[in-house]
Amino acid sequence: MNGIEIQRLTALTRMDSDNPLSPHEGTKALNYHGIFFKKRVLEELRRLNGLAIIGEERGVNFGETRVLDVLVADLQLDPHILFPIECKRGWRSRKQWFFFKDCDRVFRPVRSIGSIFSASVFGVGSDDMPVCSEGFELDTSKPPKDERAHKSDQDPVFRAGSQLAAATLGFVANRLREFHRLGSGGGKEHNERIVPVLVTNVEMFVVEGGDWSSVNLVSGCYDGHPEFRAVKHVVLKQPFPTPEGYERDFREFPTSSPDMDSRFRNQLFTESLYVVSASGLPDFFGMENRNKYRTTQTI
């Protein structure tokens, strides 16, 4: 929409509304939602060689209606790689995300699905791809006069992770049903790899705890100062049990040895999500990483 069209729309709005919004006010209101951020992420993904935009606002069901913000895919080679994406915009000038490493570095780099199987692939995290158990949002704006310190809140990160986990599982369940209806497709085995991604514009840090004995067992507070390392991406292990009343969760009926392996059974209802800074999208979706997702095997 160009400037003339905006002015015309604004004029019509002023005639038809008792409380008209200026273009500036309308844009500001939409900025609160984050729709512009999603559109910008889509534009960035379009520029990356070999990625196809499958769609946006894709409805699925996993216990209740869920929506994928964006679905992109690398369809150049087999197996195809599909990336369900959730976009989470925050006020970068006032918000930061801090992640704590999980005590277990084993995670699910990809979920592999086909005509007759659904299989997890398990790997081990690294310093370049830290595996985390939880994330917190810190408000860096000046605290109110009656508050002594900045506040941290786990809920925004957890809710964004839950939305992505649920939508991804709903998408996988739909694909498995589609594969079942299609059959083997003339003898060719369908095979896809699913990599869920949560994209945010806020700064991200990993808490390098070091010596946790510095935590006072009486006060529950850290007496020292842990290191905060800036990162472009992490793995978040998001707990997501079967929704109450959901008739058949495909995770409850594993068909592959990794999911039935006692080493990994504790992650049956935990989804591994990649949390990626928007500025780190070109690196994360680079061809080298995509080849890893396509070829990685269980440890």
C-alpha atoms as a PDB file:
ATOM      1  CA  MET A   1       0.000   0.000   0.000  1.00  0.00           C
ATOM      2  CA  ASN A   2       1.551   3.343  -1.052  1.00  0.00           C
ATOM      3  CA  GLY A   3       1.302   6.754   0.627  1.00  0.00           C
ATOM      4  CA  ILE A   4      -1.611   7.972  -1.521  1.00  0.00           C
ATOM      5  CA  GLU A   5      -3.633   4.827  -0.752  1.00  0.00           C
ATOM      6  CA  ILE A   6      -2.952   5.235   2.976  1.00  0.00           C
ATOM      7  CA  GLN A   7      -4.115   8.860   2.858  1.00  0.00           C
ATOM      8  CA  ARG A   8      -7.282   7.828   0.977  1.00  0.00           C
ATOM      9  CA  LEU A   9      -7.966   5.043   3.485  1.00  0.00           C
ATOM     10  CA  THR A  10      -7.385   7.449   6.372  1.00  0.00           C
ATOM     11  CA  ALA A  11      -9.835   9.967   4.835  1.00  0.00           C
ATOM     12  CA  LEU A  12     -12.513   7.269   4.490  1.00  0.00           C
ATOM     13  CA  THR A  13     -11.882   6.142   8.065  1.00  0.00           C
ATOM     14  CA  ARG A  14     -12.306   9.688   9.346  1.00  0.00           C
ATOM     15  CA  MET A  15     -15.662   9.959   7.588  1.00  0.00           C
ATOM     16  CA  ASP A  16     -16.969   6.603   8.834  1.00  0.00           C
ATOM     17  CA  SER A  17     -15.637   6.563  12.383  1.00  0.00           C
ATOM     18  CA  ASP A  18     -16.201   8.672  15.458  1.00  0.00           C
ATOM     19  CA  ASN A  19     -12.666   7.834  16.628  1.00  0.00           C
ATOM     20  CA  PRO A  20     -10.472   7.817  13.507  1.00  0.00           C
ATOM     21  CA  LEU A  21      -6.881   6.591  13.608  1.00  0.00           C
ATOM     22  CA  SER A  22      -4.066   8.338  11.809  1.00  0.00           C
ATOM     23  CA  PRO A  23      -1.697   6.165   9.704  1.00  0.00           C
ATOM     24  CA  HIS A  24       0.871   6.598  12.473  1.00  0.00           C
ATOM     25  CA  GLU A  25      -1.575   5.420  15.144  1.00  0.00           C
ATOM     26  CA  GLY A  26      -2.705   2.459  13.034  1.00  0.00           C
ATOM     27  CA  THR A  27       0.868   1.385  12.356  1.00  0.00           C
ATOM     28  CA  LYS A  28       1.757   1.713  16.033  1.00  0.00           C
ATOM     29  CA  ALA A  29      -1.221  -0.444  17.015  1.00  0.00           C
ATOM     30  CA  LEU A  30      -0.243  -3.158  14.543  1.00  0.00           C
ATOM     31  CA  ASN A  31       3.353  -3.013  15.754  1.00  0.00           C
ATOM     32  CA  TYR A  32       2.167  -4.165  19.162  1.00  0.00           C
ATOM     33  CA  HIS A  33       0.871  -7.371  17.586  1.00  0.00           C
ATOM     34  CA  GLY A  34       4.066  -8.258  15.715  1.00  0.00           C
ATOM     35  CA  ILE A  35       2.557  -8.868  12.263  1.00  0.00           C
ATOM     36  CA  PHE A  36       5.184  -6.656  10.617  1.00  0.00           C
ATOM     37  CA  PHE A  37       7.934  -8.725  12.232  1.00  0.00           C
ATOM     38  CA  LYS A  38       6.474 -11.932  10.776  1.00  0.00           C
ATOM     39  CA  LYS A  39       6.297 -10.374   7.314  1.00  0.00           C
ATOM     40  CA  ARG A  40       9.924  -9.260   7.607  1.00  0.00           C
ATOM     41  CA  VAL A  41      11.001 -12.768   8.632  1.00  0.00           C
ATOM     42  CA  LEU A  42       9.198 -14.132   5.568  1.00  0.00           C
ATOM     43  CA  GLU A  43      11.042 -11.645   3.368  1.00  0.00           C
ATOM     44  CA  GLU A  44      14.385 -12.670   4.874  1.00  0.00           C
ATOM     45  CA  LEU A  45      13.652 -16.361   4.296  1.00  0.00           C
ATOM     46  CA  ARG A  46      12.708 -15.715   0.659  1.00  0.00           C
ATOM     47  CA  ARG A  47      16.217 -14.404   0.053  1.00  0.00           C
ATOM     48  CA  LEU A  48      17.883 -17.642   1.154  1.00  0.00           C
ATOM     49  CA  ASN A  49      18.870 -19.981  -1.642  1.00  0.00           C
ATOM     50  CA  GLY A  50      17.003 -23.284  -1.777  1.00  0.00           C
ATOM     51  CA  LEU A  51      14.228 -22.413   0.698  1.00  0.00           C
ATOM     52  CA  ALA A  52      10.604 -22.569  -0.454  1.00  0.00           C
ATOM     53  CA  ILE A  53       7.829 -20.669   1.332  1.00  0.00           C
ATOM     54  CA  ILE A  54       5.003 -23.181   1.789  1.00  0.00           C
ATOM     55  CA  GLY A  55       2.624 -20.774   3.492  1.00  0.00           C
ATOM     56  CA  GLU A  56       1.684 -18.795   6.579  1.00  0.00           C
ATOM     57  CA  GLU A  57      -1.074 -18.986   9.206  1.00  0.00           C
ATOM     58  CA  ARG A  58      -1.435 -22.724   8.620  1.00  0.00           C
ATOM     59  CA  GLY A  59      -4.128 -24.231  10.817  1.00  0.00           C
ATOM     60  CA  VAL A  60      -3.593 -27.615  12.484  1.00  0.00           C
ATOM     61  CA  ASN A  61      -5.099 -29.476  15.422  1.00  0.00           C
ATOM     62  CA  PHE A  62      -3.400 -31.075  18.390  1.00  0.00           C
ATOM     63  CA  GLY A  63      -5.932 -31.191  21.188  1.00  0.00           C
ATOM     64  CA  GLU A  64      -7.263 -27.833  20.000  1.00  0.00           C
ATOM     65  CA  THR A  65      -6.817 -25.555  17.003  1.00  0.00           C
ATOM     66  CA  ARG A  66      -3.210 -24.392  16.571  1.00  0.00           C
ATOM     67  CA  VAL A  67      -1.663 -22.094  13.978  1.00  0.00           C
ATOM     68  CA  LEU A  68       1.802 -22.125  12.421  1.00  0.00           C
ATOM     69  CA  ASP A  69       3.014 -18.600  11.688  1.00  0.00           C
ATOM     70  CA  VAL A  70       5.189 -19.718   8.775  1.00  0.00           C
ATOM     71  CA  LEU A  71       6.083 -23.001   7.063  1.00  0.00           C
ATOM     72  CA  VAL A  72       9.172 -23.167   4.850  1.00  0.00           C
ATOM     73  CA  ALA A  73      10.956 -26.153   3.314  1.00  0.00           C
ATOM     74  CA  ASP A  74      14.141 -27.283   1.615  1.00  0.00           C
ATOM     75  CA  LEU A  75      12.863 -29.552  -1.158  1.00  0.00           C
ATOM     76  CA  GLN A  76      16.077 -29.820  -3.168  1.00  0.00           C
ATOM     77  CA  LEU A  77      17.113 -33.298  -1.993  1.00  0.00           C
ATOM     78  CA  ASP A  78      15.660 -36.238  -0.115  1.00  0.00           C
ATOM     79  CA  PRO A  79      14.720 -36.245   2.632  1.00  0.00           C
ATOM     80  CA  HIS A  80      12.889 -32.936   2.422  1.00  0.00           C
ATOM     81  CA  ILE A  81      13.322 -30.627   5.420  1.00  0.00           C
ATOM     82  CA  LEU A  82      10.293 -28.748   6.731  1.00  0.00           C
ATOM     83  CA  PHE A  83      10.622 -25.842   9.157  1.00  0.00           C
ATOM     84  CA  PRO A  84       7.504 -24.930  11.193  1.00  0.00           C
ATOM     85  CA  ILE A  85       8.204 -21.393  12.433  1.00  0.00           C
ATOM     86  CA  GLU A  86       6.760 -19.286  15.239  1.00  0.00           C
ATOM     87  CA  CYS A  87       7.640 -15.561  15.245  1.00  0.00           C
ATOM     88  CA  LYS A  88       7.845 -13.808  18.614  1.00  0.00           C
ATOM     89  CA  ARG A  89       8.472 -10.084  18.548  1.00  0.00           C
ATOM     90  CA  GLY A  90       9.507  -8.252  21.706  1.00  0.00           C
ATOM     91  CA  TRP A  91      10.378  -4.657  22.533  1.00  0.00           C
ATOM     92  CA  ARG A  92      14.112  -5.024  21.913  1.00  0.00           C
ATOM     93  CA  SER A  93      14.940  -1.818  23.764  1.00  0.00           C
ATOM     94  CA  ARG A  94      13.270  -3.200  26.912  1.00  0.00           C
ATOM     95  CA  LYS A  95      13.362  -7.009  26.693  1.00  0.00           C
ATOM     96  CA  GLN A  96      16.090  -9.667  26.761  1.00  0.00           C
ATOM     97  CA  TRP A  97      15.899 -13.470  26.913  1.00  0.00           C
ATOM     98  CA  PHE A  98      18.140 -15.522  29.213  1.00  0.00           C
ATOM     99  CA  PHE A  99      18.445 -19.318  28.913  1.00  0.00           C
ATOM    100  CA  PHE A 100      19.745 -21.880  31.397  1.00  0.00           C
ATOM    101  CA  LYS A 101      21.542 -24.992  30.169  1.00  0.00           C
ATOM    102  CA  ASP A 102      19.900 -28.359  30.697  1.00  0.00           C
ATOM    103  CA  CYS A 103      21.724 -30.926  32.840  1.00  0.00           C
ATOM    104  CA  ASP A 104      21.300 -33.360  29.923  1.00  0.00           C
ATOM    105  CA  ARG A 105      22.793 -32.179  26.602  1.00  0.00           C
ATOM    106  CA  VAL A 106      20.983 -34.884  24.598  1.00  0.00           C
ATOM    107  CA  PHE A 107      18.169 -33.463  22.457  1.00  0.00           C
ATOM    108  CA  ARG A 108      16.136 -34.163  19.303  1.00  0.00           C
ATOM    109  CA  PRO A 109      17.791 -32.319  16.371  1.00  0.00           C
ATOM    110  CA  VAL A 110      15.056 -33.436  13.967  1.00  0.00           C
ATOM    111  CA  ARG A 111      11.908 -35.524  13.883  1.00  0.00           C
ATOM    112  CA  SER A 112      11.835 -37.877  10.899  1.00  0.00           C
ATOM    113  CA  ILE A 113       8.497 -39.022   9.454  1.00  0.00           C
ATOM    114  CA  GLY A 114       7.465 -41.201   6.529  1.00  0.00           C
ATOM    115  CA  SER A 115       4.732 -43.369   5.084  1.00  0.00           C
ATOM    116  CA  ILE A 116       5.144 -46.098   7.664  1.00  0.00           C
ATOM    117  CA  PHE A 117       7.133 -44.547  10.484  1.00  0.00           C
ATOM    118  CA  SER A 118       7.672 -41.649  12.852  1.00  0.00           C
ATOM    119  CA  ALA A 119      11.140 -41.532  14.330  1.00  0.00           C
ATOM    120  CA  SER A 120      13.132 -39.208  16.542  1.00  0.00           C
ATOM    121  CA  VAL A 121      16.778 -38.505  15.850  1.00  0.00           C
ATOM    122  CA  PHE A 122      18.812 -37.749  18.977  1.00  0.00           C
ATOM    123  CA  GLY A 123      22.088 -35.864  19.239  1.00  0.00           C
ATOM    124  CA  VAL A 124      24.261 -33.984  21.725  1.00  0.00           C
ATOM    125  CA  GLY A 125      24.461 -30.220  22.051  1.00  0.00           C
ATOM    126  CA  SER A 126      27.631 -28.160  21.841  1.00  0.00           C
ATOM    127  CA  ASP A 127      28.991 -24.755  22.849  1.00  0.00           C
ATOM    128  CA  ASP A 128      27.813 -23.455  19.469  1.00  0.00           C
ATOM    129  CA  MET A 129      24.350 -24.953  19.993  1.00  0.00           C
ATOM    130  CA  PRO A 130      23.694 -24.988  23.776  1.00  0.00           C
ATOM    131  CA  VAL A 131      20.817 -27.187  24.958  1.00  0.00           C
ATOM    132  CA  CYS A 132      18.649 -25.366  27.493  1.00  0.00           C
ATOM    133  CA  SER A 133      15.911 -26.356  29.911  1.00  0.00           C
ATOM    134  CA  GLU A 134      14.186 -22.990  30.361  1.00  0.00           C
ATOM    135  CA  GLY A 135      14.211 -19.377  29.315  1.00  0.00           C
ATOM    136  CA  PHE A 136      13.330 -16.109  31.064  1.00  0.00           C
ATOM    137  CA  GLU A 137      12.358 -12.706  29.733  1.00  0.00           C
ATOM    138  CA  LEU A 138      13.924  -9.766  31.554  1.00  0.00           C
ATOM    139  CA  ASP A 139      12.436  -6.293  31.413  1.00  0.00           C
ATOM    140  CA  THR A 140      15.382  -3.902  31.175  1.00  0.00           C
ATOM    141  CA  SER A 141      13.319  -0.707  31.423  1.00  0.00           C
ATOM    142  CA  LYS A 142      13.648   1.368  34.566  1.00  0.00           C
ATOM    143  CA  PRO A 143      11.850  -0.353  37.476  1.00  0.00           C
ATOM    144  CA  PRO A 144       8.923   1.465  39.128  1.00  0.00           C
ATOM    145  CA  LYS A 145       9.771   3.481  42.231  1.00  0.00           C
ATOM    146  CA  ASP A 146       8.269   0.825  44.497  1.00  0.00           C
ATOM    147  CA  GLU A 147      10.396  -1.929  42.943  1.00  0.00           C
ATOM    148  CA  ARG A 148      14.027  -2.496  43.878  1.00  0.00           C
ATOM    149  CA  ALA A 149      15.104  -4.524  40.859  1.00  0.00           C
ATOM    150  CA  HIS A 150      14.249  -5.523  37.331  1.00  0.00           C
ATOM    151  CA  LYS A 151      11.760  -8.360  36.930  1.00  0.00           C
ATOM    152  CA  SER A 152      12.224 -11.674  35.136  1.00  0.00           C
ATOM    153  CA  ASP A 153       9.323 -13.701  33.782  1.00  0.00           C
ATOM    154  CA  GLN A 154       9.412 -17.271  32.480  1.00  0.00           C
ATOM    155  CA  ASP A 155       5.897 -17.148  31.023  1.00  0.00           C
ATOM    156  CA  PRO A 156       6.525 -15.328  27.688  1.00  0.00           C
ATOM    157  CA  VAL A 157       9.222 -17.789  26.585  1.00  0.00           C
ATOM    158  CA  PHE A 158       7.256 -20.801  27.848  1.00  0.00           C
ATOM    159  CA  ARG A 159       4.044 -19.741  26.074  1.00  0.00           C
ATOM    160  CA  ALA A 160       5.867 -19.107  22.796  1.00  0.00           C
ATOM    161  CA  GLY A 161       7.567 -22.514  23.078  1.00  0.00           C
ATOM    162  CA  SER A 162       4.271 -24.246  23.889  1.00  0.00           C
ATOM    163  CA  GLN A 163       2.570 -22.644  20.877  1.00  0.00           C
ATOM    164  CA  LEU A 164       5.337 -23.822  18.552  1.00  0.00           C
ATOM    165  CA  ALA A 165       5.483 -27.323  20.088  1.00  0.00           C
ATOM    166  CA  ALA A 166       1.711 -27.804  19.798  1.00  0.00           C
ATOM    167  CA  ALA A 167       1.526 -26.473  16.238  1.00  0.00           C
ATOM    168  CA  THR A 168       4.486 -28.613  15.151  1.00  0.00           C
ATOM    169  CA  LEU A 169       2.993 -31.765  16.659  1.00  0.00           C
ATOM    170  CA  GLY A 170      -0.337 -30.999  14.998  1.00  0.00           C
ATOM    171  CA  PHE A 171       1.427 -30.533  11.683  1.00  0.00           C
ATOM    172  CA  VAL A 172       3.315 -33.835  12.087  1.00  0.00           C
ATOM    173  CA  ALA A 173       0.080 -35.657  12.981  1.00  0.00           C
ATOM    174  CA  ASN A 174      -1.562 -34.237   9.836  1.00  0.00           C
ATOM    175  CA  ARG A 175       1.363 -35.310   7.654  1.00  0.00           C
ATOM    176  CA  LEU A 176       1.275 -38.843   9.070  1.00  0.00           C
ATOM    177  CA  ARG A 177      -2.434 -39.087   8.243  1.00  0.00           C
ATOM    178  CA  GLU A 178      -1.757 -37.782   4.722  1.00  0.00           C
ATOM    179  CA  PHE A 179       1.022 -40.337   4.227  1.00  0.00           C
ATOM    180  CA  HIS A 180      -1.301 -43.101   5.410  1.00  0.00           C
ATOM    181  CA  ARG A 181      -3.959 -42.076   2.850  1.00  0.00           C
ATOM    182  CA  LEU A 182      -1.454 -41.733   0.017  1.00  0.00           C
ATOM    183  CA  GLY A 183       0.295 -45.028   0.700  1.00  0.00           C
ATOM    184  CA  SER A 184       3.751 -45.650  -0.699  1.00  0.00           C
ATOM    185  CA  GLY A 185       3.157 -43.534  -3.809  1.00  0.00           C
ATOM    186  CA  GLY A 186       4.094 -46.108  -6.420  1.00  0.00           C
ATOM    187  CA  GLY A 187       6.822 -47.660  -4.357  1.00  0.00           C
ATOM    188  CA  LYS A 188       8.572 -44.433  -3.353  1.00  0.00           C
ATOM    189  CA  GLU A 189       8.880 -44.041   0.393  1.00  0.00           C
ATOM    190  CA  HIS A 190       7.901 -40.607   1.693  1.00  0.00           C
ATOM    191  CA  ASN A 191      10.507 -39.199   4.063  1.00  0.00           C
ATOM    192  CA  GLU A 192      10.566 -35.774   5.674  1.00  0.00           C
ATOM    193  CA  ARG A 193      12.509 -34.183   8.490  1.00  0.00           C
ATOM    194  CA  ILE A 194      10.826 -31.664  10.782  1.00  0.00           C
ATOM    195  CA  VAL A 195      12.832 -28.846  12.399  1.00  0.00           C
ATOM    196  CA  PRO A 196      10.745 -26.430  14.559  1.00  0.00           C
ATOM    197  CA  VAL A 197      12.091 -22.870  14.874  1.00  0.00           C
ATOM    198  CA  LEU A 198      11.124 -20.011  17.194  1.00  0.00           C
ATOM    199  CA  VAL A 199      12.354 -16.676  15.773  1.00  0.00           C
ATOM    200  CA  THR A 200      12.693 -13.596  17.975  1.00  0.00           C
ATOM    201  CA  ASN A 201      14.139 -10.122  17.604  1.00  0.00           C
ATOM    202  CA  VAL A 202      15.201  -9.684  21.246  1.00  0.00           C
ATOM    203  CA  GLU A 203      18.765 -10.191  22.433  1.00  0.00           C
ATOM    204  CA  MET A 204      19.478 -13.695  23.754  1.00  0.00           C
ATOM    205  CA  PHE A 205      21.957 -14.842  26.382  1.00  0.00           C
ATOM    206  CA  VAL A 206      22.977 -18.170  27.903  1.00  0.00           C
ATOM    207  CA  VAL A 207      23.680 -18.181  31.640  1.00  0.00           C
ATOM    208  CA  GLU A 208      27.049 -19.823  32.188  1.00  0.00           C
ATOM    209  CA  GLY A 209      26.493 -20.932  35.774  1.00  0.00           C
ATOM    210  CA  GLY A 210      29.920 -22.280  36.565  1.00  0.00           C
ATOM    211  CA  ASP A 211      29.853 -23.054  40.274  1.00  0.00           C
ATOM    212  CA  TRP A 212      26.235 -23.516  41.378  1.00  0.00           C
ATOM    213  CA  SER A 213      27.476 -23.921  44.948  1.00  0.00           C
ATOM    214  CA  SER A 214      27.514 -20.105  44.937  1.00  0.00           C
ATOM    215  CA  VAL A 215      23.730 -20.271  45.266  1.00  0.00           C
ATOM    216  CA  ASN A 216      22.779 -19.704  48.885  1.00  0.00           C
ATOM    217  CA  LEU A 217      20.502 -22.526  50.038  1.00  0.00           C
ATOM    218  CA  VAL A 218      18.951 -20.287  52.710  1.00  0.00           C
ATOM    219  CA  SER A 219      18.130 -17.245  50.559  1.00  0.00           C
ATOM    220  CA  GLY A 220      17.944 -19.155  47.265  1.00  0.00           C
ATOM    221  CA  CYS A 221      19.932 -16.361  45.620  1.00  0.00           C
ATOM    222  CA  TYR A 222      23.168 -16.425  43.646  1.00  0.00           C
ATOM    223  CA  ASP A 223      25.798 -14.718  45.783  1.00  0.00           C
ATOM    224  CA  GLY A 224      28.161 -14.200  42.869  1.00  0.00           C
ATOM    225  CA  HIS A 225      27.670 -13.047  39.289  1.00  0.00           C
ATOM    226  CA  PRO A 226      27.305 -15.717  36.578  1.00  0.00           C
ATOM    227  CA  GLU A 227      28.546 -15.060  33.053  1.00  0.00           C
ATOM    228  CA  PHE A 228      25.940 -14.040  30.476  1.00  0.00           C
ATOM    229  CA  ARG A 229      27.057 -15.124  27.001  1.00  0.00           C
ATOM    230  CA  ALA A 230      25.355 -13.545  23.982  1.00  0.00           C
ATOM    231  CA  VAL A 231      24.109 -16.147  21.472  1.00  0.00           C
ATOM    232  CA  LYS A 232      22.297 -16.228  18.122  1.00  0.00           C
ATOM    233  CA  HIS A 233      20.581 -19.573  18.664  1.00  0.00           C
ATOM    234  CA  VAL A 234      19.904 -22.187  21.349  1.00  0.00           C
ATOM    235  CA  VAL A 235      17.942 -25.417  21.685  1.00  0.00           C
ATOM    236  CA  LEU A 236      15.034 -25.209  24.134  1.00  0.00           C
ATOM    237  CA  LYS A 237      13.693 -28.491  25.502  1.00  0.00           C
ATOM    238  CA  GLN A 238       9.987 -27.706  25.792  1.00  0.00           C
ATOM    239  CA  PRO A 239       7.830 -30.081  27.873  1.00  0.00           C
ATOM    240  CA  PHE A 240       4.566 -30.834  26.085  1.00  0.00           C
ATOM    241  CA  PRO A 241       2.457 -33.754  27.379  1.00  0.00           C
ATOM    242  CA  THR A 242      -0.489 -35.220  25.524  1.00  0.00           C
ATOM    243  CA  PRO A 243      -3.402 -32.728  25.708  1.00  0.00           C
ATOM    244  CA  GLU A 244      -6.235 -33.907  27.935  1.00  0.00           C
ATOM    245  CA  GLY A 245      -8.889 -35.684  25.892  1.00  0.00           C
ATOM    246  CA  TYR A 246      -6.685 -36.052  22.817  1.00  0.00           C
ATOM    247  CA  GLU A 247      -7.537 -39.484  21.440  1.00  0.00           C
ATOM    248  CA  ARG A 248      -4.295 -40.639  19.834  1.00  0.00           C
ATOM    249  CA  ASP A 249      -0.955 -38.966  20.337  1.00  0.00           C
ATOM    250  CA  PHE A 250       1.421 -40.531  17.797  1.00  0.00           C
ATOM    251  CA  ARG A 251       4.259 -40.131  20.317  1.00  0.00           C
ATOM    252  CA  GLU A 252       2.631 -42.744  22.550  1.00  0.00           C
ATOM    253  CA  PHE A 253       3.068 -45.384  19.832  1.00  0.00           C
ATOM    254  CA  PRO A 254       6.732 -45.188  18.778  1.00  0.00           C
ATOM    255  CA  THR A 255       7.711 -47.165  15.692  1.00  0.00           C
ATOM    256  CA  SER A 256      11.479 -46.655  15.833  1.00  0.00           C
ATOM    257  CA  SER A 257      14.244 -47.885  18.092  1.00  0.00           C
ATOM    258  CA  PRO A 258      15.431 -44.361  19.145  1.00  0.00           C
ATOM    259  CA  ASP A 259      12.040 -43.543  20.682  1.00  0.00           C
ATOM    260  CA  MET A 260      11.903 -46.952  22.372  1.00  0.00           C
ATOM    261  CA  ASP A 261      15.503 -46.744  23.606  1.00  0.00           C
ATOM    262  CA  SER A 262      15.626 -46.387  27.403  1.00  0.00           C
ATOM    263  CA  ARG A 263      18.233 -43.609  27.001  1.00  0.00           C
ATOM    264  CA  PHE A 264      15.690 -41.364  25.307  1.00  0.00           C
ATOM    265  CA  ARG A 265      12.333 -42.398  26.786  1.00  0.00           C
ATOM    266  CA  ASN A 266      12.461 -39.438  29.185  1.00  0.00           C
ATOM    267  CA  GLN A 267      12.196 -37.123  26.159  1.00  0.00           C
ATOM    268  CA  LEU A 268       9.138 -38.783  24.657  1.00  0.00           C
ATOM    269  CA  PHE A 269       6.966 -35.805  25.633  1.00  0.00           C
ATOM    270  CA  THR A 270       9.626 -33.103  25.397  1.00  0.00           C
ATOM    271  CA  GLU A 271      10.012 -31.182  22.151  1.00  0.00           C
ATOM    272  CA  SER A 272      13.385 -29.771  21.102  1.00  0.00           C
ATOM    273  CA  LEU A 273      12.897 -26.300  19.614  1.00  0.00           C
ATOM    274  CA  TYR A 274      15.504 -24.107  17.963  1.00  0.00           C
ATOM    275  CA  VAL A 275      15.272 -20.537  19.275  1.00  0.00           C
ATOM    276  CA  VAL A 276      16.928 -18.251  16.735  1.00  0.00           C
ATOM    277  CA  SER A 277      17.684 -14.535  16.737  1.00  0.00           C
ATOM    278  CA  ALA A 278      16.278 -12.820  13.637  1.00  0.00           C
ATOM    279  CA  SER A 279      19.738 -11.448  12.893  1.00  0.00           C
ATOM    280  CA  GLY A 280      21.050 -15.019  12.897  1.00  0.00           C
ATOM    281  CA  LEU A 281      18.579 -16.417  10.339  1.00  0.00           C
ATOM    282  CA  PRO A 282      21.054 -16.547   7.395  1.00  0.00           C
ATOM    283  CA  ASP A 283      23.543 -18.575   9.443  1.00  0.00           C
ATOM    284  CA  PHE A 284      20.968 -20.912  10.958  1.00  0.00           C
ATOM    285  CA  PHE A 285      19.305 -21.626   7.603  1.00  0.00           C
ATOM    286  CA  GLY A 286      22.608 -21.813   5.734  1.00  0.00           C
ATOM    287  CA  MET A 287      23.251 -24.778   3.463  1.00  0.00           C
ATOM    288  CA  GLU A 288      25.781 -26.310   5.860  1.00  0.00           C
ATOM    289  CA  ASN A 289      23.236 -26.485   8.667  1.00  0.00           C
ATOM    290  CA  ARG A 290      20.492 -27.765   6.377  1.00  0.00           C
ATOM    291  CA  ASN A 291      22.763 -30.593   5.246  1.00  0.00           C
ATOM    292  CA  LYS A 292      23.280 -31.501   8.909  1.00  0.00           C
ATOM    293  CA  TYR A 293      19.532 -31.693   9.498  1.00  0.00           C
ATOM    294  CA  ARG A 294      19.193 -33.867   6.396  1.00  0.00           C
ATOM    295  CA  THR A 295      21.958 -36.365   7.269  1.00  0.00           C
ATOM    296  CA  THR A 296      22.225 -36.426  11.067  1.00  0.00           C
ATOM    297  CA  GLN A 297      21.700 -39.807  12.719  1.00  0.00           C
ATOM    298  CA  THR A 298      21.018 -40.856  16.316  1.00  0.00           C
ATOM    299  CA  ILE A 299      24.091 -41.022  18.532  1.00  0.00           C
END
